[in-house]
Amino acid sequence: EIDCIAFGRERATEQEAAALRIKVGEPVFRAENRLALQ
């Protein structure tokens, strides 16, 4: 069971930029989900 608890357009951190191969500060969409089993 998946519950979205946050969503927004933000600026890429150094960690995100390095992983996604984009520049720091470029726009990214971020989401947070909470997952439950039974």
PDB file of all heavy atoms in Angstrom:
ATOM      1  N   GLU A   1       0.871  -1.170   0.000  1.00  0.00           N
ATOM      2  CA  GLU A   1       0.000   0.000   0.000  1.00  0.00           C
ATOM      3  C   GLU A   1       0.912   1.225   0.000  1.00  0.00           C
ATOM      4  O   GLU A   1       1.792   1.348   0.850  1.00  0.00           O
ATOM      5  CB  GLU A   1      -0.877   0.003   1.251  1.00  0.00           C
ATOM      6  CG  GLU A   1      -1.740  -1.236   1.414  1.00  0.00           C
ATOM      7  CD  GLU A   1      -2.340  -1.315   2.808  1.00  0.00           C
ATOM      8  OE1 GLU A   1      -2.528  -0.252   3.436  1.00  0.00           O
ATOM      9  OE2 GLU A   1      -2.589  -2.439   3.268  1.00  0.00           O
ATOM     10  N   ILE A   2       0.700   2.126  -0.959  1.00  0.00           N
ATOM     11  CA  ILE A   2       1.607   3.251  -1.148  1.00  0.00           C
ATOM     12  C   ILE A   2       0.868   4.555  -0.867  1.00  0.00           C
ATOM     13  O   ILE A   2      -0.190   4.824  -1.439  1.00  0.00           O
ATOM     14  CB  ILE A   2       2.198   3.267  -2.574  1.00  0.00           C
ATOM     15  CG1 ILE A   2       2.909   1.944  -2.855  1.00  0.00           C
ATOM     16  CG2 ILE A   2       3.157   4.440  -2.756  1.00  0.00           C
ATOM     17  CD1 ILE A   2       3.417   1.802  -4.277  1.00  0.00           C
ATOM     18  N   ASP A   3       1.447   5.366   0.000  1.00  0.00           N
ATOM     19  CA  ASP A   3       0.853   6.646   0.397  1.00  0.00           C
ATOM     20  C   ASP A   3       1.860   7.756   0.123  1.00  0.00           C
ATOM     21  O   ASP A   3       2.958   7.769   0.695  1.00  0.00           O
ATOM     22  CB  ASP A   3       0.488   6.597   1.886  1.00  0.00           C
ATOM     23  CG  ASP A   3      -0.095   7.903   2.377  1.00  0.00           C
ATOM     24  OD1 ASP A   3      -0.698   8.633   1.572  1.00  0.00           O
ATOM     25  OD2 ASP A   3       0.059   8.198   3.582  1.00  0.00           O
ATOM     26  N   CYS A   4       1.507   8.671  -0.794  1.00  0.00           N
ATOM     27  CA  CYS A   4       2.392   9.805  -1.078  1.00  0.00           C
ATOM     28  C   CYS A   4       2.220  10.847   0.016  1.00  0.00           C
ATOM     29  O   CYS A   4       1.111  11.341   0.251  1.00  0.00           O
ATOM     30  CB  CYS A   4       2.057  10.406  -2.445  1.00  0.00           C
ATOM     31  SG  CYS A   4       3.103  11.809  -2.903  1.00  0.00           S
ATOM     32  N   ILE A   5       3.312  11.184   0.675  1.00  0.00           N
ATOM     33  CA  ILE A   5       3.225  12.125   1.789  1.00  0.00           C
ATOM     34  C   ILE A   5       3.875  13.472   1.483  1.00  0.00           C
ATOM     35  O   ILE A   5       3.758  14.416   2.270  1.00  0.00           O
ATOM     36  CB  ILE A   5       3.853  11.523   3.064  1.00  0.00           C
ATOM     37  CG1 ILE A   5       5.318  11.150   2.836  1.00  0.00           C
ATOM     38  CG2 ILE A   5       3.060  10.312   3.536  1.00  0.00           C
ATOM     39  CD1 ILE A   5       6.013  10.656   4.098  1.00  0.00           C
ATOM     40  N   ALA A   6       4.540  13.583   0.326  1.00  0.00           N
ATOM     41  CA  ALA A   6       5.134  14.870  -0.057  1.00  0.00           C
ATOM     42  C   ALA A   6       5.442  14.849  -1.547  1.00  0.00           C
ATOM     43  O   ALA A   6       5.785  13.804  -2.111  1.00  0.00           O
ATOM     44  CB  ALA A   6       6.409  15.149   0.739  1.00  0.00           C
ATOM     45  N   PHE A   7       5.300  16.020  -2.189  1.00  0.00           N
ATOM     46  CA  PHE A   7       5.638  16.156  -3.598  1.00  0.00           C
ATOM     47  C   PHE A   7       5.952  17.622  -3.855  1.00  0.00           C
ATOM     48  O   PHE A   7       5.280  18.517  -3.332  1.00  0.00           O
ATOM     49  CB  PHE A   7       4.469  15.715  -4.494  1.00  0.00           C
ATOM     50  CG  PHE A   7       4.776  15.779  -5.964  1.00  0.00           C
ATOM     51  CD1 PHE A   7       5.262  14.667  -6.629  1.00  0.00           C
ATOM     52  CD2 PHE A   7       4.596  16.966  -6.672  1.00  0.00           C
ATOM     53  CE1 PHE A   7       5.568  14.736  -7.987  1.00  0.00           C
ATOM     54  CE2 PHE A   7       4.890  17.039  -8.022  1.00  0.00           C
ATOM     55  CZ  PHE A   7       5.380  15.929  -8.681  1.00  0.00           C
ATOM     56  N   GLY A   8       6.984  17.883  -4.662  1.00  0.00           N
ATOM     57  CA  GLY A   8       7.304  19.273  -4.976  1.00  0.00           C
ATOM     58  C   GLY A   8       8.400  19.387  -6.017  1.00  0.00           C
ATOM     59  O   GLY A   8       9.091  18.418  -6.342  1.00  0.00           O
ATOM     60  N   ARG A   9       8.556  20.578  -6.540  1.00  0.00           N
ATOM     61  CA  ARG A   9       9.619  20.909  -7.482  1.00  0.00           C
ATOM     62  C   ARG A   9      10.691  21.655  -6.707  1.00  0.00           C
ATOM     63  O   ARG A   9      10.416  22.678  -6.085  1.00  0.00           O
ATOM     64  CB  ARG A   9       9.063  21.768  -8.624  1.00  0.00           C
ATOM     65  CG  ARG A   9      10.084  22.122  -9.715  1.00  0.00           C
ATOM     66  CD  ARG A   9       9.436  23.065 -10.730  1.00  0.00           C
ATOM     67  NE  ARG A   9      10.392  23.587 -11.674  1.00  0.00           N
ATOM     68  CZ  ARG A   9      10.516  23.173 -12.944  1.00  0.00           C
ATOM     69  NH1 ARG A   9       9.705  22.222 -13.392  1.00  0.00           N
ATOM     70  NH2 ARG A   9      11.402  23.709 -13.755  1.00  0.00           N
ATOM     71  N   GLU A  10      11.904  21.132  -6.731  1.00  0.00           N
ATOM     72  CA  GLU A  10      12.991  21.684  -5.939  1.00  0.00           C
ATOM     73  C   GLU A  10      14.237  21.863  -6.800  1.00  0.00           C
ATOM     74  O   GLU A  10      14.202  21.666  -8.018  1.00  0.00           O
ATOM     75  CB  GLU A  10      13.301  20.752  -4.755  1.00  0.00           C
ATOM     76  CG  GLU A  10      12.101  20.359  -3.905  1.00  0.00           C
ATOM     77  CD  GLU A  10      11.551  21.508  -3.077  1.00  0.00           C
ATOM     78  OE1 GLU A  10      12.263  22.526  -2.940  1.00  0.00           O
ATOM     79  OE2 GLU A  10      10.418  21.379  -2.571  1.00  0.00           O
ATOM     80  N   ARG A  11      15.338  22.217  -6.169  1.00  0.00           N
ATOM     81  CA  ARG A  11      16.624  22.347  -6.848  1.00  0.00           C
ATOM     82  C   ARG A  11      17.524  21.184  -6.446  1.00  0.00           C
ATOM     83  O   ARG A  11      17.577  20.812  -5.275  1.00  0.00           O
ATOM     84  CB  ARG A  11      17.295  23.680  -6.477  1.00  0.00           C
ATOM     85  CG  ARG A  11      16.515  24.907  -6.947  1.00  0.00           C
ATOM     86  CD  ARG A  11      16.591  25.049  -8.450  1.00  0.00           C
ATOM     87  NE  ARG A  11      15.785  26.161  -8.952  1.00  0.00           N
ATOM     88  CZ  ARG A  11      15.679  26.495 -10.221  1.00  0.00           C
ATOM     89  NH1 ARG A  11      16.327  25.787 -11.144  1.00  0.00           N
ATOM     90  NH2 ARG A  11      14.924  27.509 -10.597  1.00  0.00           N
ATOM     91  N   ALA A  12      18.214  20.629  -7.407  1.00  0.00           N
ATOM     92  CA  ALA A  12      19.024  19.437  -7.151  1.00  0.00           C
ATOM     93  C   ALA A  12      20.155  19.720  -6.183  1.00  0.00           C
ATOM     94  O   ALA A  12      20.892  20.710  -6.321  1.00  0.00           O
ATOM     95  CB  ALA A  12      19.591  18.908  -8.468  1.00  0.00           C
ATOM     96  N   THR A  13      20.298  18.845  -5.199  1.00  0.00           N
ATOM     97  CA  THR A  13      21.433  18.907  -4.284  1.00  0.00           C
ATOM     98  C   THR A  13      22.660  18.312  -4.981  1.00  0.00           C
ATOM     99  O   THR A  13      22.564  17.744  -6.073  1.00  0.00           O
ATOM    100  CB  THR A  13      21.137  18.103  -3.019  1.00  0.00           C
ATOM    101  OG1 THR A  13      20.980  16.708  -3.384  1.00  0.00           O
ATOM    102  CG2 THR A  13      19.869  18.593  -2.336  1.00  0.00           C
ATOM    103  N   GLU A  14      23.801  18.408  -4.326  1.00  0.00           N
ATOM    104  CA  GLU A  14      25.013  17.814  -4.888  1.00  0.00           C
ATOM    105  C   GLU A  14      24.843  16.306  -5.060  1.00  0.00           C
ATOM    106  O   GLU A  14      25.263  15.733  -6.073  1.00  0.00           O
ATOM    107  CB  GLU A  14      26.220  18.108  -3.986  1.00  0.00           C
ATOM    108  CG  GLU A  14      26.678  19.550  -4.013  1.00  0.00           C
ATOM    109  CD  GLU A  14      27.966  19.760  -3.244  1.00  0.00           C
ATOM    110  OE1 GLU A  14      28.584  18.737  -2.851  1.00  0.00           O
ATOM    111  OE2 GLU A  14      28.357  20.918  -3.031  1.00  0.00           O
ATOM    112  N   GLN A  15      24.232  15.672  -4.081  1.00  0.00           N
ATOM    113  CA  GLN A  15      24.032  14.221  -4.142  1.00  0.00           C
ATOM    114  C   GLN A  15      23.115  13.845  -5.289  1.00  0.00           C
ATOM    115  O   GLN A  15      23.392  12.914  -6.055  1.00  0.00           O
ATOM    116  CB  GLN A  15      23.448  13.721  -2.815  1.00  0.00           C
ATOM    117  CG  GLN A  15      23.346  12.210  -2.706  1.00  0.00           C
ATOM    118  CD  GLN A  15      22.785  11.771  -1.357  1.00  0.00           C
ATOM    119  OE1 GLN A  15      21.939  12.445  -0.770  1.00  0.00           O
ATOM    120  NE2 GLN A  15      23.264  10.656  -0.850  1.00  0.00           N
ATOM    121  N   GLU A  16      22.006  14.557  -5.441  1.00  0.00           N
ATOM    122  CA  GLU A  16      21.068  14.275  -6.523  1.00  0.00           C
ATOM    123  C   GLU A  16      21.708  14.557  -7.880  1.00  0.00           C
ATOM    124  O   GLU A  16      21.560  13.772  -8.834  1.00  0.00           O
ATOM    125  CB  GLU A  16      19.808  15.117  -6.358  1.00  0.00           C
ATOM    126  CG  GLU A  16      18.944  14.704  -5.179  1.00  0.00           C
ATOM    127  CD  GLU A  16      17.861  15.713  -4.881  1.00  0.00           C
ATOM    128  OE1 GLU A  16      18.078  16.927  -5.100  1.00  0.00           O
ATOM    129  OE2 GLU A  16      16.779  15.296  -4.406  1.00  0.00           O
ATOM    130  N   ALA A  17      22.413  15.680  -7.978  1.00  0.00           N
ATOM    131  CA  ALA A  17      23.035  16.058  -9.250  1.00  0.00           C
ATOM    132  C   ALA A  17      24.062  15.033  -9.690  1.00  0.00           C
ATOM    133  O   ALA A  17      24.131  14.662 -10.868  1.00  0.00           O
ATOM    134  CB  ALA A  17      23.667  17.441  -9.124  1.00  0.00           C
ATOM    135  N   ALA A  18      24.867  14.560  -8.753  1.00  0.00           N
ATOM    136  CA  ALA A  18      25.893  13.569  -9.095  1.00  0.00           C
ATOM    137  C   ALA A  18      25.247  12.274  -9.576  1.00  0.00           C
ATOM    138  O   ALA A  18      25.706  11.666 -10.551  1.00  0.00           O
ATOM    139  CB  ALA A  18      26.787  13.308  -7.883  1.00  0.00           C
ATOM    140  N   ALA A  19      24.190  11.861  -8.909  1.00  0.00           N
ATOM    141  CA  ALA A  19      23.529  10.607  -9.283  1.00  0.00           C
ATOM    142  C   ALA A  19      22.828  10.723 -10.634  1.00  0.00           C
ATOM    143  O   ALA A  19      22.917   9.822 -11.471  1.00  0.00           O
ATOM    144  CB  ALA A  19      22.531  10.197  -8.208  1.00  0.00           C
ATOM    145  N   LEU A  20      22.138  11.831 -10.851  1.00  0.00           N
ATOM    146  CA  LEU A  20      21.328  11.998 -12.056  1.00  0.00           C
ATOM    147  C   LEU A  20      22.106  12.607 -13.221  1.00  0.00           C
ATOM    148  O   LEU A  20      21.551  12.773 -14.312  1.00  0.00           O
ATOM    149  CB  LEU A  20      20.111  12.877 -11.739  1.00  0.00           C
ATOM    150  CG  LEU A  20      19.120  12.284 -10.736  1.00  0.00           C
ATOM    151  CD1 LEU A  20      18.079  13.324 -10.326  1.00  0.00           C
ATOM    152  CD2 LEU A  20      18.434  11.053 -11.317  1.00  0.00           C
ATOM    153  N   ARG A  21      23.361  12.932 -12.978  1.00  0.00           N
ATOM    154  CA  ARG A  21      24.234  13.530 -14.001  1.00  0.00           C
ATOM    155  C   ARG A  21      23.654  14.827 -14.549  1.00  0.00           C
ATOM    156  O   ARG A  21      23.550  15.043 -15.754  1.00  0.00           O
ATOM    157  CB  ARG A  21      24.489  12.541 -15.148  1.00  0.00           C
ATOM    158  CG  ARG A  21      25.171  11.250 -14.725  1.00  0.00           C
ATOM    159  CD  ARG A  21      25.361  10.324 -15.906  1.00  0.00           C
ATOM    160  NE  ARG A  21      25.537   8.946 -15.488  1.00  0.00           N
ATOM    161  CZ  ARG A  21      25.355   7.893 -16.289  1.00  0.00           C
ATOM    162  NH1 ARG A  21      25.000   8.067 -17.547  1.00  0.00           N
ATOM    163  NH2 ARG A  21      25.526   6.668 -15.833  1.00  0.00           N
ATOM    164  N   ILE A  22      23.258  15.675 -13.611  1.00  0.00           N
ATOM    165  CA  ILE A  22      22.799  17.015 -13.953  1.00  0.00           C
ATOM    166  C   ILE A  22      23.584  18.003 -13.103  1.00  0.00           C
ATOM    167  O   ILE A  22      24.411  17.607 -12.271  1.00  0.00           O
ATOM    168  CB  ILE A  22      21.288  17.180 -13.706  1.00  0.00           C
ATOM    169  CG1 ILE A  22      20.947  16.925 -12.224  1.00  0.00           C
ATOM    170  CG2 ILE A  22      20.490  16.250 -14.602  1.00  0.00           C
ATOM    171  CD1 ILE A  22      19.475  17.127 -11.892  1.00  0.00           C
ATOM    172  N   LYS A  23      23.356  19.292 -13.300  1.00  0.00           N
ATOM    173  CA  LYS A  23      24.090  20.304 -12.550  1.00  0.00           C
ATOM    174  C   LYS A  23      23.400  20.576 -11.223  1.00  0.00           C
ATOM    175  O   LYS A  23      22.177  20.497 -11.114  1.00  0.00           O
ATOM    176  CB  LYS A  23      24.186  21.590 -13.365  1.00  0.00           C
ATOM    177  CG  LYS A  23      25.019  21.459 -14.628  1.00  0.00           C
ATOM    178  CD  LYS A  23      25.065  22.780 -15.378  1.00  0.00           C
ATOM    179  CE  LYS A  23      25.900  22.662 -16.654  1.00  0.00           C
ATOM    180  NZ  LYS A  23      25.932  23.927 -17.415  1.00  0.00           N
ATOM    181  N   VAL A  24      24.198  20.905 -10.232  1.00  0.00           N
ATOM    182  CA  VAL A  24      23.649  21.297  -8.932  1.00  0.00           C
ATOM    183  C   VAL A  24      22.735  22.505  -9.134  1.00  0.00           C
ATOM    184  O   VAL A  24      23.093  23.454  -9.842  1.00  0.00           O
ATOM    185  CB  VAL A  24      24.774  21.648  -7.942  1.00  0.00           C
ATOM    186  CG1 VAL A  24      24.193  22.189  -6.641  1.00  0.00           C
ATOM    187  CG2 VAL A  24      25.649  20.436  -7.671  1.00  0.00           C
ATOM    188  N   GLY A  25      21.570  22.448  -8.551  1.00  0.00           N
ATOM    189  CA  GLY A  25      20.625  23.547  -8.679  1.00  0.00           C
ATOM    190  C   GLY A  25      19.628  23.406  -9.804  1.00  0.00           C
ATOM    191  O   GLY A  25      18.649  24.162  -9.871  1.00  0.00           O
ATOM    192  N   GLU A  26      19.850  22.444 -10.702  1.00  0.00           N
ATOM    193  CA  GLU A  26      18.855  22.232 -11.757  1.00  0.00           C
ATOM    194  C   GLU A  26      17.557  21.727 -11.128  1.00  0.00           C
ATOM    195  O   GLU A  26      17.571  21.054 -10.094  1.00  0.00           O
ATOM    196  CB  GLU A  26      19.366  21.221 -12.785  1.00  0.00           C
ATOM    197  CG  GLU A  26      20.383  21.798 -13.757  1.00  0.00           C
ATOM    198  CD  GLU A  26      20.651  20.864 -14.923  1.00  0.00           C
ATOM    199  OE1 GLU A  26      19.772  20.029 -15.259  1.00  0.00           O
ATOM    200  OE2 GLU A  26      21.747  20.972 -15.516  1.00  0.00           O
ATOM    201  N   PRO A  27      16.426  22.035 -11.755  1.00  0.00           N
ATOM    202  CA  PRO A  27      15.148  21.628 -11.154  1.00  0.00           C
ATOM    203  C   PRO A  27      14.932  20.120 -11.179  1.00  0.00           C
ATOM    204  O   PRO A  27      15.248  19.450 -12.169  1.00  0.00           O
ATOM    205  CB  PRO A  27      14.102  22.353 -12.010  1.00  0.00           C
ATOM    206  CG  PRO A  27      14.788  22.641 -13.305  1.00  0.00           C
ATOM    207  CD  PRO A  27      16.238  22.856 -12.970  1.00  0.00           C
ATOM    208  N   VAL A  28      14.420  19.622 -10.079  1.00  0.00           N
ATOM    209  CA  VAL A  28      14.034  18.215  -9.965  1.00  0.00           C
ATOM    210  C   VAL A  28      12.664  18.155  -9.310  1.00  0.00           C
ATOM    211  O   VAL A  28      12.253  19.067  -8.594  1.00  0.00           O
ATOM    212  CB  VAL A  28      15.039  17.392  -9.117  1.00  0.00           C
ATOM    213  CG1 VAL A  28      16.393  17.330  -9.785  1.00  0.00           C
ATOM    214  CG2 VAL A  28      15.157  17.955  -7.697  1.00  0.00           C
ATOM    215  N   PHE A  29      11.952  17.090  -9.593  1.00  0.00           N
ATOM    216  CA  PHE A  29      10.741  16.797  -8.839  1.00  0.00           C
ATOM    217  C   PHE A  29      11.116  15.800  -7.754  1.00  0.00           C
ATOM    218  O   PHE A  29      11.802  14.808  -8.016  1.00  0.00           O
ATOM    219  CB  PHE A  29       9.660  16.192  -9.744  1.00  0.00           C
ATOM    220  CG  PHE A  29       9.059  17.169 -10.717  1.00  0.00           C
ATOM    221  CD1 PHE A  29       9.313  17.055 -12.069  1.00  0.00           C
ATOM    222  CD2 PHE A  29       8.245  18.199 -10.266  1.00  0.00           C
ATOM    223  CE1 PHE A  29       8.769  17.945 -12.978  1.00  0.00           C
ATOM    224  CE2 PHE A  29       7.691  19.104 -11.164  1.00  0.00           C
ATOM    225  CZ  PHE A  29       7.958  18.979 -12.517  1.00  0.00           C
ATOM    226  N   ARG A  30      10.651  16.074  -6.548  1.00  0.00           N
ATOM    227  CA  ARG A  30      10.885  15.167  -5.425  1.00  0.00           C
ATOM    228  C   ARG A  30       9.555  14.670  -4.892  1.00  0.00           C
ATOM    229  O   ARG A  30       8.580  15.411  -4.826  1.00  0.00           O
ATOM    230  CB  ARG A  30      11.628  15.886  -4.280  1.00  0.00           C
ATOM    231  CG  ARG A  30      13.071  16.178  -4.557  1.00  0.00           C
ATOM    232  CD  ARG A  30      13.813  16.523  -3.271  1.00  0.00           C
ATOM    233  NE  ARG A  30      15.056  17.224  -3.576  1.00  0.00           N
ATOM    234  CZ  ARG A  30      15.373  18.426  -3.129  1.00  0.00           C
ATOM    235  NH1 ARG A  30      14.528  19.070  -2.331  1.00  0.00           N
ATOM    236  NH2 ARG A  30      16.523  18.982  -3.463  1.00  0.00           N
ATOM    237  N   ALA A  31       9.557  13.410  -4.511  1.00  0.00           N
ATOM    238  CA  ALA A  31       8.364  12.822  -3.910  1.00  0.00           C
ATOM    239  C   ALA A  31       8.776  11.926  -2.762  1.00  0.00           C
ATOM    240  O   ALA A  31       9.881  11.369  -2.760  1.00  0.00           O
ATOM    241  CB  ALA A  31       7.565  12.029  -4.944  1.00  0.00           C
ATOM    242  N   GLU A  32       7.895  11.824  -1.793  1.00  0.00           N
ATOM    243  CA  GLU A  32       8.111  10.903  -0.679  1.00  0.00           C
ATOM    244  C   GLU A  32       6.903   9.977  -0.570  1.00  0.00           C
ATOM    245  O   GLU A  32       5.754  10.434  -0.586  1.00  0.00           O
ATOM    246  CB  GLU A  32       8.294  11.666   0.631  1.00  0.00           C
ATOM    247  CG  GLU A  32       9.568  12.482   0.702  1.00  0.00           C
ATOM    248  CD  GLU A  32       9.771  13.111   2.064  1.00  0.00           C
ATOM    249  OE1 GLU A  32       9.669  12.371   3.073  1.00  0.00           O
ATOM    250  OE2 GLU A  32       9.991  14.328   2.121  1.00  0.00           O
ATOM    251  N   ASN A  33       7.181   8.695  -0.479  1.00  0.00           N
ATOM    252  CA  ASN A  33       6.127   7.695  -0.334  1.00  0.00           C
ATOM    253  C   ASN A  33       6.358   6.877   0.929  1.00  0.00           C
ATOM    254  O   ASN A  33       7.505   6.587   1.294  1.00  0.00           O
ATOM    255  CB  ASN A  33       6.110   6.734  -1.530  1.00  0.00           C
ATOM    256  CG  ASN A  33       5.562   7.373  -2.782  1.00  0.00           C
ATOM    257  OD1 ASN A  33       4.718   8.264  -2.717  1.00  0.00           O
ATOM    258  ND2 ASN A  33       6.040   6.939  -3.936  1.00  0.00           N
ATOM    259  N   ARG A  34       5.257   6.507   1.551  1.00  0.00           N
ATOM    260  CA  ARG A  34       5.302   5.582   2.683  1.00  0.00           C
ATOM    261  C   ARG A  34       4.644   4.294   2.221  1.00  0.00           C
ATOM    262  O   ARG A  34       3.536   4.308   1.692  1.00  0.00           O
ATOM    263  CB  ARG A  34       4.574   6.194   3.865  1.00  0.00           C
ATOM    264  CG  ARG A  34       4.659   5.421   5.161  1.00  0.00           C
ATOM    265  CD  ARG A  34       4.158   6.271   6.311  1.00  0.00           C
ATOM    266  NE  ARG A  34       2.894   6.928   5.983  1.00  0.00           N
ATOM    267  CZ  ARG A  34       2.400   7.972   6.649  1.00  0.00           C
ATOM    268  NH1 ARG A  34       3.070   8.479   7.651  1.00  0.00           N
ATOM    269  NH2 ARG A  34       1.241   8.500   6.303  1.00  0.00           N
ATOM    270  N   LEU A  35       5.336   3.154   2.386  1.00  0.00           N
ATOM    271  CA  LEU A  35       4.849   1.871   1.889  1.00  0.00           C
ATOM    272  C   LEU A  35       4.544   0.939   3.055  1.00  0.00           C
ATOM    273  O   LEU A  35       5.350   0.823   4.000  1.00  0.00           O
ATOM    274  CB  LEU A  35       5.878   1.220   0.967  1.00  0.00           C
ATOM    275  CG  LEU A  35       6.099   1.881  -0.401  1.00  0.00           C
ATOM    276  CD1 LEU A  35       7.022   3.098  -0.275  1.00  0.00           C
ATOM    277  CD2 LEU A  35       6.703   0.912  -1.394  1.00  0.00           C
ATOM    278  N   ALA A  36       3.402   0.279   2.971  1.00  0.00           N
ATOM    279  CA  ALA A  36       2.973  -0.636   4.039  1.00  0.00           C
ATOM    280  C   ALA A  36       2.672  -2.007   3.453  1.00  0.00           C
ATOM    281  O   ALA A  36       2.215  -2.135   2.316  1.00  0.00           O
ATOM    282  CB  ALA A  36       1.738  -0.086   4.739  1.00  0.00           C
ATOM    283  N   LEU A  37       2.952  -3.038   4.240  1.00  0.00           N
ATOM    284  CA  LEU A  37       2.588  -4.412   3.906  1.00  0.00           C
ATOM    285  C   LEU A  37       1.684  -4.938   5.010  1.00  0.00           C
ATOM    286  O   LEU A  37       2.035  -4.867   6.192  1.00  0.00           O
ATOM    287  CB  LEU A  37       3.837  -5.290   3.783  1.00  0.00           C
ATOM    288  CG  LEU A  37       4.731  -5.040   2.564  1.00  0.00           C
ATOM    289  CD1 LEU A  37       6.008  -5.872   2.673  1.00  0.00           C
ATOM    290  CD2 LEU A  37       3.996  -5.364   1.270  1.00  0.00           C
ATOM    291  N   GLN A  38       0.512  -5.409   4.611  1.00  0.00           N
ATOM    292  CA  GLN A  38      -0.471  -5.938   5.559  1.00  0.00           C
ATOM    293  C   GLN A  38      -0.746  -4.942   6.681  1.00  0.00           C
ATOM    294  O   GLN A  38      -0.864  -5.306   7.853  1.00  0.00           O
ATOM    295  CB  GLN A  38       0.015  -7.273   6.122  1.00  0.00           C
ATOM    296  CG  GLN A  38       0.186  -8.340   5.053  1.00  0.00           C
ATOM    297  CD  GLN A  38       0.736  -9.644   5.595  1.00  0.00           C
ATOM    298  OE1 GLN A  38       1.338  -9.688   6.650  1.00  0.00           O
ATOM    299  NE2 GLN A  38       0.520 -10.721   4.860  1.00  0.00           N
TER     300      GLN A  38
END
